[in-house]
Protein backbone atom coordinates (compact mmCIF):
# COMPACT_ATOMS: atom_id res chain seq x y z
CA MET A 1 0.00 0.00 0.00
CA PHE A 2 2.90 2.37 0.81
CA MET A 3 4.54 1.84 -2.57
CA THR A 4 1.19 2.26 -4.33
CA THR A 5 0.59 5.58 -2.57
CA LEU A 6 4.15 6.68 -3.34
CA LEU A 7 3.62 5.84 -7.01
CA THR A 8 0.39 7.88 -7.04
CA VAL A 9 2.05 10.92 -5.43
CA ALA A 10 5.03 10.69 -7.79
CA GLY A 11 2.66 10.52 -10.74
CA LEU A 12 0.81 13.64 -9.54
CA ILE A 13 4.08 15.55 -9.14
CA LEU A 14 5.20 14.61 -12.65
CA LEU A 15 1.83 15.66 -14.08
CA VAL A 16 1.99 19.10 -12.47
CA LEU A 17 5.61 19.64 -13.50
CA GLY A 18 4.91 18.39 -17.01
CA ALA A 19 1.94 20.73 -17.45
CA GLU A 20 3.95 23.73 -16.21
CA VAL A 21 6.91 23.02 -18.51
CA LEU A 22 4.61 22.33 -21.47
CA VAL A 23 2.63 25.56 -21.00
CA ARG A 24 5.74 27.70 -20.70
CA GLY A 25 7.44 26.19 -23.74
CA ALA A 26 4.37 26.20 -25.96
CA SER A 27 3.44 29.75 -24.96
CA ARG A 28 6.84 31.09 -25.97
CA ILE A 29 6.80 29.21 -29.28
CA ALA A 30 3.36 30.57 -30.11
CA SER A 31 4.39 34.10 -29.12
CA ALA A 32 7.53 33.90 -31.24
CA ALA A 33 5.44 32.70 -34.17
CA GLY A 34 3.31 35.83 -33.92
CA VAL A 35 0.19 34.15 -32.51
CA SER A 36 -2.09 36.50 -30.59
CA PRO A 37 -1.54 36.56 -26.82
CA LEU A 38 -5.28 36.10 -26.23
CA VAL A 39 -5.31 32.95 -28.34
CA ILE A 40 -2.26 31.68 -26.45
CA GLY A 41 -3.95 32.36 -23.13
CA LEU A 42 -7.27 30.77 -24.03
CA THR A 43 -5.83 27.78 -25.88
CA VAL A 44 -2.24 26.91 -25.01
CA VAL A 45 -2.49 27.95 -21.37
CA ALA A 46 -6.04 26.75 -20.68
CA TYR A 47 -5.50 23.52 -22.59
CA GLY A 48 -2.07 23.08 -21.06
CA THR A 49 -3.45 23.10 -17.52
CA SER A 50 -5.85 20.35 -18.65
CA ALA A 51 -3.03 18.27 -20.16
CA PRO A 52 -2.89 15.99 -17.07
CA GLU A 53 -6.57 15.11 -17.52
CA LEU A 54 -5.93 14.36 -21.19
CA ALA A 55 -2.90 12.18 -20.45
CA VAL A 56 -4.66 10.19 -17.71
CA SER A 57 -7.99 9.70 -19.49
CA VAL A 58 -6.38 8.65 -22.77
CA GLN A 59 -4.08 6.24 -20.95
CA ALA A 60 -7.03 4.85 -18.99
CA ALA A 61 -9.14 4.45 -22.13
CA LEU A 62 -6.32 2.59 -23.91
CA SER A 63 -5.97 0.37 -20.81
CA ARG A 64 -9.73 -0.34 -20.88
CA GLN A 65 -10.25 1.35 -17.51
CA ALA A 66 -13.31 3.32 -18.58
CA ASP A 67 -14.43 4.26 -15.07
CA ILE A 68 -11.20 6.15 -14.43
CA ALA A 69 -11.26 7.76 -17.89
CA LEU A 70 -14.81 9.03 -17.39
CA GLY A 71 -14.54 9.67 -13.65
CA ASN A 72 -11.45 11.82 -14.20
CA VAL A 73 -13.36 14.16 -16.55
CA ILE A 74 -16.50 14.35 -14.41
CA GLY A 75 -14.62 14.71 -11.15
CA SER A 76 -12.23 17.33 -12.55
CA ASN A 77 -15.09 19.50 -13.82
CA VAL A 78 -16.91 19.30 -10.50
CA PHE A 79 -13.67 19.99 -8.59
CA ASN A 80 -12.79 22.92 -10.85
CA VAL A 81 -16.05 24.77 -10.19
CA LEU A 82 -16.81 23.88 -6.57
CA VAL A 83 -13.30 23.86 -5.10
CA ILE A 84 -11.06 25.95 -7.36
CA LEU A 85 -13.61 28.63 -8.23
CA GLY A 86 -15.06 28.48 -4.73
CA ALA A 87 -11.68 28.83 -3.01
CA SER A 88 -10.70 31.65 -5.38
CA ALA A 89 -13.91 33.52 -4.52
CA VAL A 90 -13.26 33.02 -0.80
CA ILE A 91 -9.86 34.69 -1.27
CA THR A 92 -11.39 37.61 -3.16
CA PRO A 93 -14.81 38.17 -4.78
CA LEU A 94 -14.53 37.37 -8.48
CA VAL A 95 -15.81 39.57 -11.31
CA VAL A 96 -17.14 37.62 -14.30
CA ASN A 97 -16.20 38.82 -17.78
CA ARG A 98 -19.12 39.60 -20.12
CA GLN A 99 -17.78 37.27 -22.82
CA LEU A 100 -17.95 34.35 -20.39
CA LEU A 101 -21.59 35.16 -19.67
CA ARG A 102 -22.54 35.58 -23.32
CA PHE A 103 -20.73 32.57 -24.77
CA ASP A 104 -18.23 30.41 -22.86
CA LEU A 105 -20.49 29.61 -19.90
CA TRP A 106 -23.20 28.37 -22.26
CA VAL A 107 -20.66 26.24 -24.14
CA MET A 108 -19.63 24.63 -20.83
CA LEU A 109 -23.26 23.89 -19.95
CA ALA A 110 -24.06 22.54 -23.43
CA ALA A 111 -20.98 20.29 -23.43
CA SER A 112 -21.93 18.91 -20.00
CA ALA A 113 -25.49 18.17 -21.16
CA LEU A 114 -24.16 16.58 -24.36
CA THR A 115 -22.05 14.18 -22.28
CA TRP A 116 -25.21 13.06 -20.48
CA LEU A 117 -27.05 12.64 -23.80
CA PHE A 118 -24.23 10.64 -25.39
CA GLY A 119 -23.99 8.37 -22.33
CA LEU A 120 -27.65 7.34 -22.29
CA ASP A 121 -26.87 4.17 -24.26
CA GLY A 122 -24.15 3.15 -21.81
CA ARG A 123 -21.13 4.46 -23.69
CA VAL A 124 -19.62 7.50 -25.36
CA GLY A 125 -18.86 5.90 -28.71
CA GLY A 126 -16.07 6.58 -31.14
CA ALA A 127 -18.27 8.62 -33.48
CA GLU A 128 -19.53 10.68 -30.55
CA GLY A 129 -15.94 11.21 -29.48
CA VAL A 130 -15.17 12.61 -32.93
CA ILE A 131 -18.16 14.96 -32.60
CA LEU A 132 -16.79 16.23 -29.28
CA LEU A 133 -13.34 16.72 -30.84
CA CYS A 134 -14.90 18.68 -33.70
CA GLY A 135 -16.56 20.83 -31.06
CA ALA A 136 -13.15 21.53 -29.55
CA VAL A 137 -11.82 22.57 -32.97
CA ALA A 138 -14.84 24.81 -33.58
CA TYR A 139 -14.52 26.44 -30.16
CA THR A 140 -10.81 27.08 -30.66
CA THR A 141 -11.47 28.50 -34.12
CA PHE A 142 -13.95 30.92 -32.61
CA LEU A 143 -11.37 32.02 -30.06
CA ILE A 144 -8.88 32.71 -32.86
CA TRP A 145 -11.45 34.81 -34.68
CA LYS A 146 -12.36 36.59 -31.46
CA SER A 147 -8.69 37.37 -30.79
CA ARG A 148 -8.63 39.84 -33.66
CA ARG A 149 -10.52 42.22 -31.40
CA GLU A 150 -8.02 41.79 -28.61
CA ASN A 151 -7.05 45.00 -26.84
CA ALA A 152 -3.67 46.24 -25.73
CA ALA A 153 -4.46 45.66 -22.05
CA VAL A 154 -4.76 41.91 -22.55
CA GLN A 155 -1.53 41.85 -24.54
CA GLY A 156 0.32 43.63 -21.75
CA GLU A 157 -1.14 41.33 -19.11
CA PHE A 158 -0.03 38.21 -20.98
CA ALA A 159 3.43 39.62 -21.70
CA LYS A 160 3.88 40.36 -17.99
CA GLU A 161 2.86 36.81 -17.10
CA PHE A 162 4.85 34.85 -19.69
CA GLY A 163 7.30 37.36 -21.11
CA ALA A 164 7.50 38.50 -24.72
CA VAL A 165 9.51 36.49 -27.22
CA ARG A 166 10.61 38.15 -30.43
CA ALA A 167 10.25 36.21 -33.65
CA GLY A 168 13.41 34.93 -35.25
CA ARG A 169 15.30 34.09 -32.08
CA LEU A 170 16.10 30.52 -33.01
CA ALA A 171 17.98 29.72 -29.81
CA GLN A 172 14.99 30.58 -27.66
CA LEU A 173 12.67 28.70 -30.00
CA GLY A 174 14.89 25.63 -29.77
CA LEU A 175 14.94 25.78 -25.98
CA SER A 176 11.17 26.22 -25.90
CA ALA A 177 10.76 23.19 -28.15
CA VAL A 178 12.88 21.17 -25.73
CA PHE A 179 10.60 22.31 -22.90
CA VAL A 180 7.56 21.09 -24.85
CA VAL A 181 9.11 17.67 -25.45
CA ILE A 182 10.16 17.36 -21.80
CA GLY A 183 6.71 18.47 -20.65
CA LEU A 184 5.00 15.88 -22.83
CA GLY A 185 7.35 13.18 -21.57
CA LEU A 186 6.64 14.06 -17.95
CA LEU A 187 2.90 14.02 -18.63
CA VAL A 188 2.99 10.58 -20.22
CA LEU A 189 5.14 9.08 -17.45
CA GLY A 190 3.14 10.83 -14.73
CA ALA A 191 -0.14 9.55 -16.21
CA ARG A 192 1.13 5.98 -16.20
CA TRP A 193 2.34 6.18 -12.61
CA LEU A 194 -0.81 7.89 -11.37
CA LEU A 195 -3.04 5.41 -13.16
CA ALA A 196 -1.13 2.42 -11.77
CA GLY A 197 -1.18 3.88 -8.27
CA ALA A 198 -4.87 4.78 -8.40
CA VAL A 199 -5.87 1.29 -9.54
CA GLY A 200 -3.69 -0.19 -6.77
CA ILE A 201 -5.32 2.01 -4.13
CA ALA A 202 -8.81 1.15 -5.38
CA THR A 203 -8.00 -2.57 -5.23
CA ALA A 204 -6.41 -2.36 -1.77
CA LEU A 205 -9.29 -0.37 -0.26
CA GLY A 206 -12.06 -2.17 -2.08
CA VAL A 207 -13.18 1.12 -3.63
CA SER A 208 -14.53 1.26 -7.17
CA GLN A 209 -12.33 2.71 -9.89
CA LEU A 210 -15.12 5.21 -10.65
CA VAL A 211 -14.91 6.68 -7.13
CA ILE A 212 -11.11 6.83 -7.31
CA GLY A 213 -11.37 8.56 -10.68
CA LEU A 214 -13.94 11.04 -9.34
CA THR A 215 -11.83 11.94 -6.29
CA VAL A 216 -8.10 11.15 -6.10
CA VAL A 217 -7.37 11.19 -9.83
CA ALA A 218 -9.67 14.14 -10.59
CA ALA A 219 -8.32 16.33 -7.78
CA GLY A 220 -4.74 15.43 -8.65
CA THR A 221 -5.04 16.22 -12.35
CA SER A 222 -6.77 19.53 -11.49
CA LEU A 223 -3.77 20.84 -9.54
CA PRO A 224 -2.50 23.01 -12.45
CA GLU A 225 -5.91 24.69 -12.71
CA ALA A 226 -5.96 25.15 -8.93
CA ALA A 227 -2.54 26.78 -8.89
CA THR A 228 -3.39 29.07 -11.83
CA SER A 229 -6.76 30.29 -10.53
CA ILE A 230 -5.82 30.68 -6.86
CA VAL A 231 -2.61 32.56 -7.65
CA ALA A 232 -4.56 34.73 -10.11
CA ALA A 233 -7.13 35.50 -7.40
CA ILE A 234 -4.40 36.46 -4.94
CA ARG A 235 -2.86 38.77 -7.55
CA GLY A 236 -6.24 40.32 -8.28
CA GLU A 237 -6.36 38.91 -11.83
CA ARG A 238 -10.00 37.88 -11.48
CA ASP A 239 -10.77 37.28 -15.15
CA ILE A 240 -7.99 34.71 -15.32
CA ALA A 241 -9.24 32.94 -12.19
CA VAL A 242 -12.73 32.48 -13.65
CA GLY A 243 -11.81 32.02 -17.31
CA ASN A 244 -9.26 29.30 -16.55
CA VAL A 245 -11.91 27.16 -14.86
CA VAL A 246 -14.54 27.60 -17.57
CA GLY A 247 -12.05 27.05 -20.40
CA SER A 248 -10.55 23.97 -18.75
CA ASN A 249 -14.00 22.43 -18.19
CA ILE A 250 -14.88 22.92 -21.85
CA PHE A 251 -11.58 21.34 -22.92
CA ASN A 252 -12.04 18.43 -20.50
CA ILE A 253 -15.29 17.39 -22.14
CA LEU A 254 -14.68 18.24 -25.79
CA ALA A 255 -11.03 17.24 -26.11
CA VAL A 256 -10.24 14.94 -23.17
CA LEU A 257 -13.42 12.82 -23.17
CA GLY A 258 -13.76 13.19 -26.92
CA GLY A 259 -10.17 12.08 -27.51
CA ALA A 260 -10.44 9.14 -25.11
CA ALA A 261 -13.66 7.95 -26.77
CA ALA A 262 -12.33 8.44 -30.30
CA ILE A 263 -9.14 6.41 -29.85
CA SER A 264 -10.54 3.68 -27.61
CA ASP A 265 -11.90 0.52 -29.19
CA GLY A 266 -15.63 0.71 -28.52
CA GLY A 267 -15.50 4.14 -26.95
CA VAL A 268 -15.70 4.93 -23.23
CA LEU A 269 -18.21 2.88 -21.24
CA VAL A 270 -20.59 4.81 -18.97
CA SER A 271 -21.64 2.91 -15.84
CA PRO A 272 -25.28 3.12 -14.65
CA THR A 273 -24.10 4.89 -11.48
CA ALA A 274 -22.25 7.55 -13.43
CA LEU A 275 -25.24 8.05 -15.71
CA ARG A 276 -27.69 8.21 -12.80
CA VAL A 277 -25.69 10.34 -10.36
CA ASP A 278 -22.26 11.68 -11.33
CA ILE A 279 -22.92 13.05 -14.81
CA PRO A 280 -26.11 14.80 -13.58
CA VAL A 281 -24.03 16.32 -10.76
CA MET A 282 -21.57 17.68 -13.35
CA VAL A 283 -24.46 19.17 -15.36
CA LEU A 284 -26.03 20.61 -12.19
CA VAL A 285 -22.75 22.23 -11.13
CA ALA A 286 -22.41 23.82 -14.58
CA ALA A 287 -26.03 25.03 -14.40
CA LEU A 288 -25.50 26.49 -10.92
CA CYS A 289 -22.94 28.86 -12.42
CA LEU A 290 -25.71 30.62 -14.37
CA PRO A 291 -27.52 32.34 -11.48
CA VAL A 292 -24.27 32.84 -9.55
CA PHE A 293 -22.40 34.38 -12.48
CA PHE A 294 -25.33 36.54 -13.59
CA THR A 295 -25.86 38.02 -10.11
CA ALA A 296 -24.16 41.40 -10.51
CA ARG A 297 -21.53 39.59 -12.64
CA ARG A 298 -19.56 38.53 -9.59
CA ILE A 299 -18.98 35.56 -7.29
CA ASP A 300 -19.07 36.72 -3.66
CA ARG A 301 -17.24 35.09 -0.76
CA TRP A 302 -20.38 33.50 0.65
CA GLU A 303 -21.07 31.90 -2.74
CA GLY A 304 -17.52 30.59 -2.73
CA TRP A 305 -18.11 28.97 0.64
CA VAL A 306 -21.33 27.41 -0.69
CA PHE A 307 -19.36 25.92 -3.60
CA VAL A 308 -16.67 24.47 -1.33
CA THR A 309 -19.27 23.08 1.09
CA GLY A 310 -21.09 21.49 -1.83
CA TYR A 311 -17.92 19.64 -2.86
CA VAL A 312 -17.38 18.38 0.69
CA ALA A 313 -20.95 17.05 0.70
CA TYR A 314 -20.49 15.38 -2.70
CA THR A 315 -17.23 13.75 -1.61
CA ALA A 316 -18.88 12.52 1.60
CA TYR A 317 -21.62 10.98 -0.53
CA LEU A 318 -19.05 9.23 -2.74
CA VAL A 319 -17.30 7.77 0.30
CA SER A 320 -20.64 6.63 1.74
CA ARG A 321 -21.67 5.12 -1.59
CA SER A 322 -18.39 3.26 -1.84
CA SER A 323 -18.72 1.95 1.73
CA VAL A 324 -22.21 0.63 1.07
CA ALA A 325 -21.05 -1.05 -2.13
CA ALA A 326 -18.10 -2.66 -0.35
CA ALA A 327 -20.37 -3.99 2.40
């Protein structure tokens, strides 16, 4: 049990380090290539923080461990909103950008509902995975188009965060490419270790792989999002704190679940429990953002506490459900 836990922790550490190195390297390459800072922030950075979820879910799908592949996506999305967004709001009330209210929030809700719809037959099939992936491409394309209206303030904010890289500096581009390769390598290795450790823990404790995926794996792979949003909240960068969560949740469903279903033989199986309880919880959490976000376009501290308390209650339910099943 000790070695299994150690393997899980080591896998989590590698995932976080890999995501950080990947985001930094890819951001500098994109900046040097003349890609808009807004596009970099909403794609490379947001997608980069979700890279651990992608690595774990794809690895789990290829290993025919569908409960972990699906549970990781569902659990990460619930964790992102209730814990990360909630904790960020507790630190400082968060102001919600108008674009998130008009578009991105609705995309997150629609993607969550689509997951439920696709899972009604007991699996998210390969064709449905391709549909989700096409949604990711369409969403990213919209962001690129939207970036043409980007203002100077956003450019300055991104440059301060990641640093500007002038095109043509081949040495820096080469180093950034090395960072990307190292980051990808760390993600792959970390995903394998975390997956092996999580399965070992589930077996040793008699807990279902779905519950492990919804809790340990989901919380672990969400650490990059947690670090980004909480640090952003402390710095007063409230748009980043909120946008990172919404963007990551969209990517988790469209690209992570879509990719896992598309490459897995037979798609990703959806257990009756996930279809009856956990996917509806994910949809409900996404829907709860509507009244909260639209109330004066801010998330107050008390609403943050409600979010965090909701996650504690959901986790307690999962533990209780697992105990009853084991008995």
